[in-house]
C-alpha atoms as a PDB file:
ATOM      1  CA  MET A   1      70.072 -64.936 -11.748  1.00  0.00           C
ATOM      2  CA  SER A   2      69.289 -61.742 -13.482  1.00  0.00           C
ATOM      3  CA  LEU A   3      68.012 -58.677 -11.858  1.00  0.00           C
ATOM      4  CA  ILE A   4      65.115 -56.874 -13.360  1.00  0.00           C
ATOM      5  CA  LYS A   5      65.523 -53.178 -13.045  1.00  0.00           C
ATOM      6  CA  ILE A   6      62.298 -51.195 -12.631  1.00  0.00           C
ATOM      7  CA  ASP A   7      62.357 -47.565 -13.594  1.00  0.00           C
ATOM      8  CA  SER A   8      61.836 -45.179 -10.728  1.00  0.00           C
ATOM      9  CA  ASP A   9      59.239 -43.324 -12.878  1.00  0.00           C
ATOM     10  CA  GLU A  10      56.999 -46.350 -13.030  1.00  0.00           C
ATOM     11  CA  GLU A  11      57.108 -46.760  -9.278  1.00  0.00           C
ATOM     12  CA  GLU A  12      56.129 -43.148  -8.694  1.00  0.00           C
ATOM     13  CA  ARG A  13      53.242 -43.116 -11.164  1.00  0.00           C
ATOM     14  CA  GLY A  14      50.729 -45.114  -9.194  1.00  0.00           C
ATOM     15  CA  LEU A  15      47.190 -43.781  -8.858  1.00  0.00           C
ATOM     16  CA  ASN A  16      46.655 -40.050  -8.604  1.00  0.00           C
ATOM     17  CA  SER A  17      43.848 -39.454  -6.148  1.00  0.00           C
ATOM     18  CA  THR A  18      43.929 -35.626  -6.196  1.00  0.00           C
ATOM     19  CA  ILE A  19      41.559 -33.497  -8.250  1.00  0.00           C
ATOM     20  CA  ASN A  20      43.072 -31.401 -10.992  1.00  0.00           C
ATOM     21  CA  THR A  21      41.567 -27.932 -10.431  1.00  0.00           C
ATOM     22  CA  THR A  22      43.399 -26.161 -13.243  1.00  0.00           C
ATOM     23  CA  PRO A  23      40.561 -26.528 -15.811  1.00  0.00           C
ATOM     24  CA  LEU A  24      38.044 -25.329 -13.223  1.00  0.00           C
ATOM     25  CA  VAL A  25      40.130 -22.242 -12.467  1.00  0.00           C
ATOM     26  CA  ASP A  26      40.499 -21.549 -16.195  1.00  0.00           C
ATOM     27  CA  VAL A  27      36.746 -21.696 -16.766  1.00  0.00           C
ATOM     28  CA  MET A  28      36.042 -19.480 -13.759  1.00  0.00           C
ATOM     29  CA  LEU A  29      38.560 -16.876 -14.970  1.00  0.00           C
ATOM     30  CA  VAL A  30      36.922 -16.824 -18.414  1.00  0.00           C
ATOM     31  CA  LEU A  31      33.481 -16.338 -16.834  1.00  0.00           C
ATOM     32  CA  LEU A  32      34.837 -13.552 -14.635  1.00  0.00           C
ATOM     33  CA  ILE A  33      36.266 -11.770 -17.677  1.00  0.00           C
ATOM     34  CA  ILE A  34      32.937 -12.110 -19.526  1.00  0.00           C
ATOM     35  CA  PHE A  35      31.045 -10.606 -16.575  1.00  0.00           C
ATOM     36  CA  LEU A  36      33.556  -7.771 -16.228  1.00  0.00           C
ATOM     37  CA  ILE A  37      33.109  -6.916 -19.911  1.00  0.00           C
ATOM     38  CA  THR A  38      29.284  -7.087 -19.960  1.00  0.00           C
ATOM     39  CA  ILE A  39      28.532  -5.202 -16.723  1.00  0.00           C
ATOM     40  CA  PRO A  40      29.503  -1.751 -18.113  1.00  0.00           C
ATOM     41  CA  VAL A  41      27.337  -2.391 -21.173  1.00  0.00           C
ATOM     42  CA  ILE A  42      24.341  -3.207 -18.982  1.00  0.00           C
ATOM     43  CA  ARG A  43      24.910  -0.218 -16.703  1.00  0.00           C
ATOM     44  CA  ASN A  44      25.056   2.258 -19.629  1.00  0.00           C
ATOM     45  CA  MET A  45      21.453   1.633 -20.644  1.00  0.00           C
ATOM     46  CA  VAL A  46      18.942   4.460 -20.577  1.00  0.00           C
ATOM     47  CA  PRO A  47      17.411   4.551 -17.086  1.00  0.00           C
ATOM     48  CA  VAL A  48      13.728   3.740 -17.383  1.00  0.00           C
ATOM     49  CA  LYS A  49      11.360   2.807 -14.610  1.00  0.00           C
ATOM     50  CA  LEU A  50       9.406  -0.103 -16.017  1.00  0.00           C
ATOM     51  CA  PRO A  51       5.746  -0.509 -15.113  1.00  0.00           C
ATOM     52  CA  ASN A  52       4.466  -3.389 -13.033  1.00  0.00           C
ATOM     53  CA  ALA A  53       2.553  -6.109 -14.808  1.00  0.00           C
ATOM     54  CA  ALA A  54      -0.289  -6.102 -12.296  1.00  0.00           C
ATOM     55  CA  ASN A  55      -3.573  -4.612 -13.396  1.00  0.00           C
ATOM     56  CA  LEU A  56      -4.587  -2.247 -10.611  1.00  0.00           C
ATOM     57  CA  PRO A  57      -8.126  -0.947 -10.275  1.00  0.00           C
ATOM     58  CA  SER A  58      -8.390   2.756 -10.967  1.00  0.00           C
ATOM     59  CA  LYS A  59     -10.669   5.326  -9.431  1.00  0.00           C
ATOM     60  CA  THR A  60     -12.820   7.091 -11.975  1.00  0.00           C
ATOM     61  CA  LYS A  61     -13.001  10.833 -11.560  1.00  0.00           C
ATOM     62  CA  PRO A  62     -16.159  12.741 -12.483  1.00  0.00           C
ATOM     63  CA  GLN A  63     -14.430  14.554 -15.352  1.00  0.00           C
ATOM     64  CA  ASP A  64     -13.164  11.347 -16.973  1.00  0.00           C
ATOM     65  CA  ILE A  65     -14.931  10.386 -20.197  1.00  0.00           C
ATOM     66  CA  THR A  66     -15.583   6.764 -21.070  1.00  0.00           C
ATOM     67  CA  VAL A  67     -15.451   5.781 -24.728  1.00  0.00           C
ATOM     68  CA  ALA A  68     -16.729   2.247 -25.288  1.00  0.00           C
ATOM     69  CA  VAL A  69     -16.141   0.246 -28.478  1.00  0.00           C
ATOM     70  CA  THR A  70     -18.435  -2.741 -28.989  1.00  0.00           C
ATOM     71  CA  GLN A  71     -17.581  -5.998 -30.734  1.00  0.00           C
ATOM     72  CA  ASN A  72     -19.054  -4.798 -34.039  1.00  0.00           C
ATOM     73  CA  GLY A  73     -17.158  -1.470 -33.893  1.00  0.00           C
ATOM     74  CA  ASP A  74     -19.864   0.870 -32.581  1.00  0.00           C
ATOM     75  CA  VAL A  75     -18.445   3.744 -30.524  1.00  0.00           C
ATOM     76  CA  TYR A  76     -20.209   5.154 -27.445  1.00  0.00           C
ATOM     77  CA  TRP A  77     -19.307   8.464 -25.782  1.00  0.00           C
ATOM     78  CA  ASP A  78     -20.504   8.142 -22.176  1.00  0.00           C
ATOM     79  CA  HIS A  79     -23.412   5.823 -23.139  1.00  0.00           C
ATOM     80  CA  VAL A  80     -24.342   7.883 -26.246  1.00  0.00           C
ATOM     81  CA  LEU A  81     -23.861   6.224 -29.647  1.00  0.00           C
ATOM     82  CA  VAL A  82     -21.477   8.224 -31.849  1.00  0.00           C
ATOM     83  CA  PRO A  83     -22.678   8.088 -35.475  1.00  0.00           C
ATOM     84  CA  SER A  84     -19.360   8.831 -37.248  1.00  0.00           C
ATOM     85  CA  GLU A  85     -15.688   9.481 -36.777  1.00  0.00           C
ATOM     86  CA  GLN A  86     -16.220  13.199 -37.424  1.00  0.00           C
ATOM     87  CA  ALA A  87     -18.810  13.315 -34.631  1.00  0.00           C
ATOM     88  CA  LEU A  88     -16.318  11.619 -32.291  1.00  0.00           C
ATOM     89  CA  ILE A  89     -13.684  14.230 -33.166  1.00  0.00           C
ATOM     90  CA  ALA A  90     -16.247  16.969 -32.436  1.00  0.00           C
ATOM     91  CA  TYR A  91     -16.936  15.437 -29.000  1.00  0.00           C
ATOM     92  CA  VAL A  92     -13.191  15.264 -28.285  1.00  0.00           C
ATOM     93  CA  VAL A  93     -12.573  18.867 -29.393  1.00  0.00           C
ATOM     94  CA  LYS A  94     -15.389  20.052 -27.121  1.00  0.00           C
ATOM     95  CA  ALA A  95     -13.940  18.115 -24.161  1.00  0.00           C
ATOM     96  CA  ALA A  96     -10.337  19.180 -24.869  1.00  0.00           C
ATOM     97  CA  VAL A  97     -10.998  22.839 -24.002  1.00  0.00           C
ATOM     98  CA  GLU A  98     -12.259  22.043 -20.501  1.00  0.00           C
ATOM     99  CA  LYS A  99     -10.015  22.936 -17.563  1.00  0.00           C
ATOM    100  CA  PRO A 100      -8.626  20.601 -16.301  1.00  0.00           C
ATOM    101  CA  GLN A 101      -8.598  18.510 -19.419  1.00  0.00           C
ATOM    102  CA  PRO A 102     -10.453  15.215 -18.859  1.00  0.00           C
ATOM    103  CA  LYS A 103      -8.915  11.796 -19.368  1.00  0.00           C
ATOM    104  CA  ILE A 104     -10.402   9.463 -21.983  1.00  0.00           C
ATOM    105  CA  LEU A 105     -10.993   5.909 -20.724  1.00  0.00           C
ATOM    106  CA  ILE A 106     -11.272   3.489 -23.645  1.00  0.00           C
ATOM    107  CA  ARG A 107     -13.263   0.329 -22.981  1.00  0.00           C
ATOM    108  CA  GLY A 108     -12.783  -1.957 -25.968  1.00  0.00           C
ATOM    109  CA  ASP A 109     -14.576  -5.251 -26.343  1.00  0.00           C
ATOM    110  CA  GLN A 110     -12.293  -8.271 -26.143  1.00  0.00           C
ATOM    111  CA  ASN A 111     -13.235  -9.353 -29.672  1.00  0.00           C
ATOM    112  CA  VAL A 112     -13.222  -5.948 -31.386  1.00  0.00           C
ATOM    113  CA  GLU A 113     -10.888  -5.410 -34.348  1.00  0.00           C
ATOM    114  CA  TYR A 114      -7.783  -3.399 -33.591  1.00  0.00           C
ATOM    115  CA  SER A 115      -8.619  -0.973 -36.384  1.00  0.00           C
ATOM    116  CA  ALA A 116     -11.733   0.213 -34.487  1.00  0.00           C
ATOM    117  CA  ILE A 117      -9.622   1.040 -31.415  1.00  0.00           C
ATOM    118  CA  GLY A 118      -7.056   2.675 -33.693  1.00  0.00           C
ATOM    119  CA  ARG A 119      -9.729   4.956 -35.169  1.00  0.00           C
ATOM    120  CA  VAL A 120     -10.797   6.008 -31.667  1.00  0.00           C
ATOM    121  CA  LEU A 121      -7.189   6.737 -30.694  1.00  0.00           C
ATOM    122  CA  TYR A 122      -6.688   8.730 -33.894  1.00  0.00           C
ATOM    123  CA  ALA A 123      -9.843  10.782 -33.206  1.00  0.00           C
ATOM    124  CA  VAL A 124      -8.736  11.466 -29.628  1.00  0.00           C
ATOM    125  CA  GLN A 125      -5.309  12.561 -30.859  1.00  0.00           C
ATOM    126  CA  ARG A 126      -6.793  14.829 -33.537  1.00  0.00           C
ATOM    127  CA  GLY A 127      -9.180  16.327 -30.997  1.00  0.00           C
ATOM    128  CA  GLY A 128      -6.331  17.352 -28.707  1.00  0.00           C
ATOM    129  CA  ILE A 129      -6.772  15.235 -25.584  1.00  0.00           C
ATOM    130  CA  VAL A 130      -3.451  13.920 -24.343  1.00  0.00           C
ATOM    131  CA  ARG A 131      -4.461  11.677 -21.423  1.00  0.00           C
ATOM    132  CA  VAL A 132      -5.797   8.318 -22.598  1.00  0.00           C
ATOM    133  CA  SER A 133      -6.157   5.062 -20.652  1.00  0.00           C
ATOM    134  CA  PHE A 134      -7.423   1.597 -21.485  1.00  0.00           C
ATOM    135  CA  VAL A 135      -9.861  -0.093 -19.119  1.00  0.00           C
ATOM    136  CA  THR A 136      -9.435  -3.856 -18.638  1.00  0.00           C
ATOM    137  CA  GLU A 137     -10.903  -6.491 -16.381  1.00  0.00           C
ATOM    138  CA  PRO A 138      -8.620  -7.458 -13.494  1.00  0.00           C
ATOM    139  CA  THR A 139      -7.482 -11.054 -13.290  1.00  0.00           C
ATOM    140  CA  ALA A 140      -7.309 -12.973 -10.028  1.00  0.00           C
ATOM    141  CA  ASN A 141      -3.515 -12.575  -9.899  1.00  0.00           C
ATOM    142  CA  SER A 142      -3.553  -8.809 -10.440  1.00  0.00           C
ATOM    143  CA  LEU A 143      -6.279  -8.326  -7.851  1.00  0.00           C
ATOM    144  CA  ALA A 144      -4.294 -10.385  -5.327  1.00  0.00           C
ATOM    145  CA  LYS A 145      -1.150  -8.319  -6.048  1.00  0.00           C
ATOM    146  CA  TYR A 146      -3.144  -5.123  -5.596  1.00  0.00           C
ATOM    147  CA  LEU A 147      -4.509  -6.296  -2.239  1.00  0.00           C
ATOM    148  CA  GLU A 148      -1.003  -7.318  -1.114  1.00  0.00           C
ATOM    149  CA  SER A 149       0.390  -3.911  -2.030  1.00  0.00           C
ATOM    150  CA  GLN A 150      -2.278  -2.194   0.105  1.00  0.00           C
ATOM    151  CA  HIS A 151      -1.107  -3.929   3.313  1.00  0.00           C
END
């Protein structure tokens, strides 16, 4: 009768029912190092207060001037048709000397070419008025956000 000798290593191997956490710890340490490196880069950005995306209704003041641009590019200065770009500049120069200086509210048609709005902005800049705003229609979401912010 011969004896079969079994290695003690084979007996100890068996099934390993524990979870090996070493790869998990390695990955977490790498992520921690990445975050520690990127946080100073993010914090050294120029501090800027970004505007909200909601379109809030504005209150028109009596001194504000509305410049409307129609779909075909016609420009209106407070309901008066402006015949040329030079006439628009003359209107702006006349308004720029008022105290306090009025704000120009530009109402551009949804389908107007950008170049027509650009010409109005250029005329306003050449005339010397520094406060310019664009008037848009509020959407349902922006109106709801505005009403929520009032409560």
